[in-house]
């Protein structure tokens, strides 16, 4: 059974794409902790990030670094926080979260409820 993220990769579920390569996809989290909260995933379906081979994991971090730079340029924040939790979806992923304080990365707090239009605007701003 393909994961939610594999369905996004395959185009079965729409997403607000930020960046894509032959190996990775970055898209906005639809239940973000802050505006610009982005997920970076490998296109290969592997549950646990530390089960990725070393080369792929290294390439994923570099891909995420470039995405983070674009988010930082588009979304006012002090830094882009990085989190790897791996419990919600059984597909390796990195959270890139615009933050101004450590508490901005509290996954237990209420998520933002952004409209599709707001998500589209944020994605466009990050891509440009």
C-alpha atoms as a PDB file:
ATOM      1  CA  UNK A   1       0.000   0.000   0.000  1.00  0.00           C
ATOM      2  CA  UNK A   2       1.642   3.288  -1.071  1.00  0.00           C
ATOM      3  CA  UNK A   3       2.067   5.998   1.554  1.00  0.00           C
ATOM      4  CA  UNK A   4       0.341   9.379   1.413  1.00  0.00           C
ATOM      5  CA  UNK A   5       3.663  10.868   0.267  1.00  0.00           C
ATOM      6  CA  UNK A   6       4.079   8.290  -2.514  1.00  0.00           C
ATOM      7  CA  UNK A   7       0.594   9.238  -3.724  1.00  0.00           C
ATOM      8  CA  UNK A   8       1.726  12.896  -3.758  1.00  0.00           C
ATOM      9  CA  UNK A   9       4.882  11.953  -5.713  1.00  0.00           C
ATOM     10  CA  UNK A  10       2.745  10.013  -8.207  1.00  0.00           C
ATOM     11  CA  UNK A  11       0.362  12.958  -8.657  1.00  0.00           C
ATOM     12  CA  UNK A  12      -2.593  11.064  -7.165  1.00  0.00           C
ATOM     13  CA  UNK A  13      -2.917  13.703  -4.415  1.00  0.00           C
ATOM     14  CA  UNK A  14      -2.258  17.385  -5.171  1.00  0.00           C
ATOM     15  CA  UNK A  15       0.356  19.393  -3.299  1.00  0.00           C
ATOM     16  CA  UNK A  16       1.805  22.891  -3.202  1.00  0.00           C
ATOM     17  CA  UNK A  17       5.170  22.045  -4.721  1.00  0.00           C
ATOM     18  CA  UNK A  18       8.202  24.101  -3.711  1.00  0.00           C
ATOM     19  CA  UNK A  19      11.004  22.199  -5.471  1.00  0.00           C
ATOM     20  CA  UNK A  20      11.597  18.891  -7.216  1.00  0.00           C
ATOM     21  CA  UNK A  21      14.492  16.877  -8.546  1.00  0.00           C
ATOM     22  CA  UNK A  22      14.757  13.355  -9.896  1.00  0.00           C
ATOM     23  CA  UNK A  23      15.258  12.079  -6.298  1.00  0.00           C
ATOM     24  CA  UNK A  24      13.401  14.511  -4.017  1.00  0.00           C
ATOM     25  CA  UNK A  25      10.237  16.571  -3.646  1.00  0.00           C
ATOM     26  CA  UNK A  26       9.579  19.565  -1.378  1.00  0.00           C
ATOM     27  CA  UNK A  27       6.032  20.759  -0.765  1.00  0.00           C
ATOM     28  CA  UNK A  28       4.113  22.815   1.783  1.00  0.00           C
ATOM     29  CA  UNK A  29       2.741  21.022   4.821  1.00  0.00           C
ATOM     30  CA  UNK A  30      -1.060  21.389   4.683  1.00  0.00           C
ATOM     31  CA  UNK A  31      -1.184  21.466   8.513  1.00  0.00           C
ATOM     32  CA  UNK A  32       1.764  23.802   9.135  1.00  0.00           C
ATOM     33  CA  UNK A  33       3.250  25.013  12.390  1.00  0.00           C
ATOM     34  CA  UNK A  34       4.046  28.300  10.614  1.00  0.00           C
ATOM     35  CA  UNK A  35       3.595  29.839   7.178  1.00  0.00           C
ATOM     36  CA  UNK A  36       6.151  28.283   4.835  1.00  0.00           C
ATOM     37  CA  UNK A  37       6.414  24.967   6.771  1.00  0.00           C
ATOM     38  CA  UNK A  38       7.735  22.617   4.097  1.00  0.00           C
ATOM     39  CA  UNK A  39       8.283  18.872   3.884  1.00  0.00           C
ATOM     40  CA  UNK A  40      11.225  17.392   1.975  1.00  0.00           C
ATOM     41  CA  UNK A  41      10.869  13.747   0.970  1.00  0.00           C
ATOM     42  CA  UNK A  42      12.836  11.243  -1.066  1.00  0.00           C
ATOM     43  CA  UNK A  43      10.960   9.821  -4.040  1.00  0.00           C
ATOM     44  CA  UNK A  44      11.882   6.322  -2.884  1.00  0.00           C
ATOM     45  CA  UNK A  45       9.459   5.027  -0.249  1.00  0.00           C
ATOM     46  CA  UNK A  46      11.543   4.266   2.834  1.00  0.00           C
ATOM     47  CA  UNK A  47       9.966   4.652   6.278  1.00  0.00           C
ATOM     48  CA  UNK A  48      12.915   5.581   8.502  1.00  0.00           C
ATOM     49  CA  UNK A  49      15.276   8.362   7.439  1.00  0.00           C
ATOM     50  CA  UNK A  50      18.319   6.547   8.819  1.00  0.00           C
ATOM     51  CA  UNK A  51      17.519   3.569   6.582  1.00  0.00           C
ATOM     52  CA  UNK A  52      18.321   5.738   3.529  1.00  0.00           C
ATOM     53  CA  UNK A  53      21.720   4.934   2.081  1.00  0.00           C
ATOM     54  CA  UNK A  54      24.429   7.420   2.999  1.00  0.00           C
ATOM     55  CA  UNK A  55      24.685   9.033  -0.426  1.00  0.00           C
ATOM     56  CA  UNK A  56      20.928   9.556  -0.726  1.00  0.00           C
ATOM     57  CA  UNK A  57      20.717  10.949   2.822  1.00  0.00           C
ATOM     58  CA  UNK A  58      23.554  13.385   2.087  1.00  0.00           C
ATOM     59  CA  UNK A  59      21.919  14.506  -1.160  1.00  0.00           C
ATOM     60  CA  UNK A  60      18.606  14.946   0.680  1.00  0.00           C
ATOM     61  CA  UNK A  61      20.225  17.255   3.251  1.00  0.00           C
ATOM     62  CA  UNK A  62      21.796  19.369   0.467  1.00  0.00           C
ATOM     63  CA  UNK A  63      18.444  19.508  -1.361  1.00  0.00           C
ATOM     64  CA  UNK A  64      16.749  20.571   1.904  1.00  0.00           C
ATOM     65  CA  UNK A  65      19.449  23.227   2.470  1.00  0.00           C
ATOM     66  CA  UNK A  66      18.649  24.848  -0.874  1.00  0.00           C
ATOM     67  CA  UNK A  67      14.914  24.738  -0.177  1.00  0.00           C
ATOM     68  CA  UNK A  68      15.508  26.257   3.283  1.00  0.00           C
ATOM     69  CA  UNK A  69      17.415  29.169   1.725  1.00  0.00           C
ATOM     70  CA  UNK A  70      14.454  29.878  -0.561  1.00  0.00           C
ATOM     71  CA  UNK A  71      11.996  29.690   2.341  1.00  0.00           C
ATOM     72  CA  UNK A  72      14.158  32.077   4.420  1.00  0.00           C
ATOM     73  CA  UNK A  73      14.203  34.567   1.531  1.00  0.00           C
ATOM     74  CA  UNK A  74      10.405  34.403   1.167  1.00  0.00           C
ATOM     75  CA  UNK A  75       9.102  34.122   4.726  1.00  0.00           C
ATOM     76  CA  UNK A  76      10.086  36.591   7.475  1.00  0.00           C
ATOM     77  CA  UNK A  77      11.777  34.582  10.248  1.00  0.00           C
ATOM     78  CA  UNK A  78      15.012  34.336  12.238  1.00  0.00           C
ATOM     79  CA  UNK A  79      15.916  30.854  10.981  1.00  0.00           C
ATOM     80  CA  UNK A  80      14.566  27.760   9.320  1.00  0.00           C
ATOM     81  CA  UNK A  81      14.208  25.060  11.942  1.00  0.00           C
ATOM     82  CA  UNK A  82      14.831  21.466  10.945  1.00  0.00           C
ATOM     83  CA  UNK A  83      12.978  18.500  12.442  1.00  0.00           C
ATOM     84  CA  UNK A  84      12.881  14.813  11.667  1.00  0.00           C
ATOM     85  CA  UNK A  85      10.125  13.075  13.571  1.00  0.00           C
ATOM     86  CA  UNK A  86       9.010  10.212  11.354  1.00  0.00           C
ATOM     87  CA  UNK A  87       5.964   9.002  13.240  1.00  0.00           C
ATOM     88  CA  UNK A  88       3.055  10.541  11.318  1.00  0.00           C
ATOM     89  CA  UNK A  89       3.690   9.145   7.828  1.00  0.00           C
ATOM     90  CA  UNK A  90       5.767   5.988   7.208  1.00  0.00           C
ATOM     91  CA  UNK A  91       7.887   7.749   4.563  1.00  0.00           C
ATOM     92  CA  UNK A  92      11.151   9.506   5.456  1.00  0.00           C
ATOM     93  CA  UNK A  93      10.783  13.290   5.563  1.00  0.00           C
ATOM     94  CA  UNK A  94      12.392  16.457   6.844  1.00  0.00           C
ATOM     95  CA  UNK A  95      10.370  19.367   8.238  1.00  0.00           C
ATOM     96  CA  UNK A  96      11.675  22.850   7.335  1.00  0.00           C
ATOM     97  CA  UNK A  97       9.908  25.335   9.597  1.00  0.00           C
ATOM     98  CA  UNK A  98      10.294  29.130   9.621  1.00  0.00           C
ATOM     99  CA  UNK A  99      10.937  30.012  13.293  1.00  0.00           C
ATOM    100  CA  UNK A 100      11.541  32.991  15.548  1.00  0.00           C
ATOM    101  CA  UNK A 101      11.662  31.007  18.809  1.00  0.00           C
ATOM    102  CA  UNK A 102      12.267  27.401  19.862  1.00  0.00           C
ATOM    103  CA  UNK A 103       8.581  27.128  20.813  1.00  0.00           C
ATOM    104  CA  UNK A 104       7.680  27.625  17.133  1.00  0.00           C
ATOM    105  CA  UNK A 105       8.700  23.986  16.577  1.00  0.00           C
ATOM    106  CA  UNK A 106       6.312  22.504  19.157  1.00  0.00           C
ATOM    107  CA  UNK A 107       4.478  19.779  17.242  1.00  0.00           C
ATOM    108  CA  UNK A 108       1.936  19.557  20.076  1.00  0.00           C
ATOM    109  CA  UNK A 109       0.577  23.050  19.468  1.00  0.00           C
ATOM    110  CA  UNK A 110      -2.384  23.856  17.233  1.00  0.00           C
ATOM    111  CA  UNK A 111      -1.576  23.870  13.524  1.00  0.00           C
ATOM    112  CA  UNK A 112      -2.401  26.788  11.258  1.00  0.00           C
ATOM    113  CA  UNK A 113      -5.533  26.451   9.153  1.00  0.00           C
ATOM    114  CA  UNK A 114      -4.534  28.110   5.868  1.00  0.00           C
ATOM    115  CA  UNK A 115      -6.752  28.289   2.805  1.00  0.00           C
ATOM    116  CA  UNK A 116      -5.686  26.743  -0.495  1.00  0.00           C
ATOM    117  CA  UNK A 117      -5.237  30.292  -1.816  1.00  0.00           C
ATOM    118  CA  UNK A 118      -2.884  31.197   1.054  1.00  0.00           C
ATOM    119  CA  UNK A 119      -0.883  28.010   0.507  1.00  0.00           C
ATOM    120  CA  UNK A 120      -0.695  28.745  -3.224  1.00  0.00           C
ATOM    121  CA  UNK A 121       0.571  32.290  -2.554  1.00  0.00           C
ATOM    122  CA  UNK A 122       3.205  31.072  -0.089  1.00  0.00           C
ATOM    123  CA  UNK A 123       4.409  28.357  -2.478  1.00  0.00           C
ATOM    124  CA  UNK A 124       4.691  30.848  -5.342  1.00  0.00           C
ATOM    125  CA  UNK A 125       6.629  33.300  -3.167  1.00  0.00           C
ATOM    126  CA  UNK A 126       9.093  30.579  -2.105  1.00  0.00           C
ATOM    127  CA  UNK A 127       9.553  29.299  -5.671  1.00  0.00           C
ATOM    128  CA  UNK A 128      10.278  32.807  -6.982  1.00  0.00           C
END
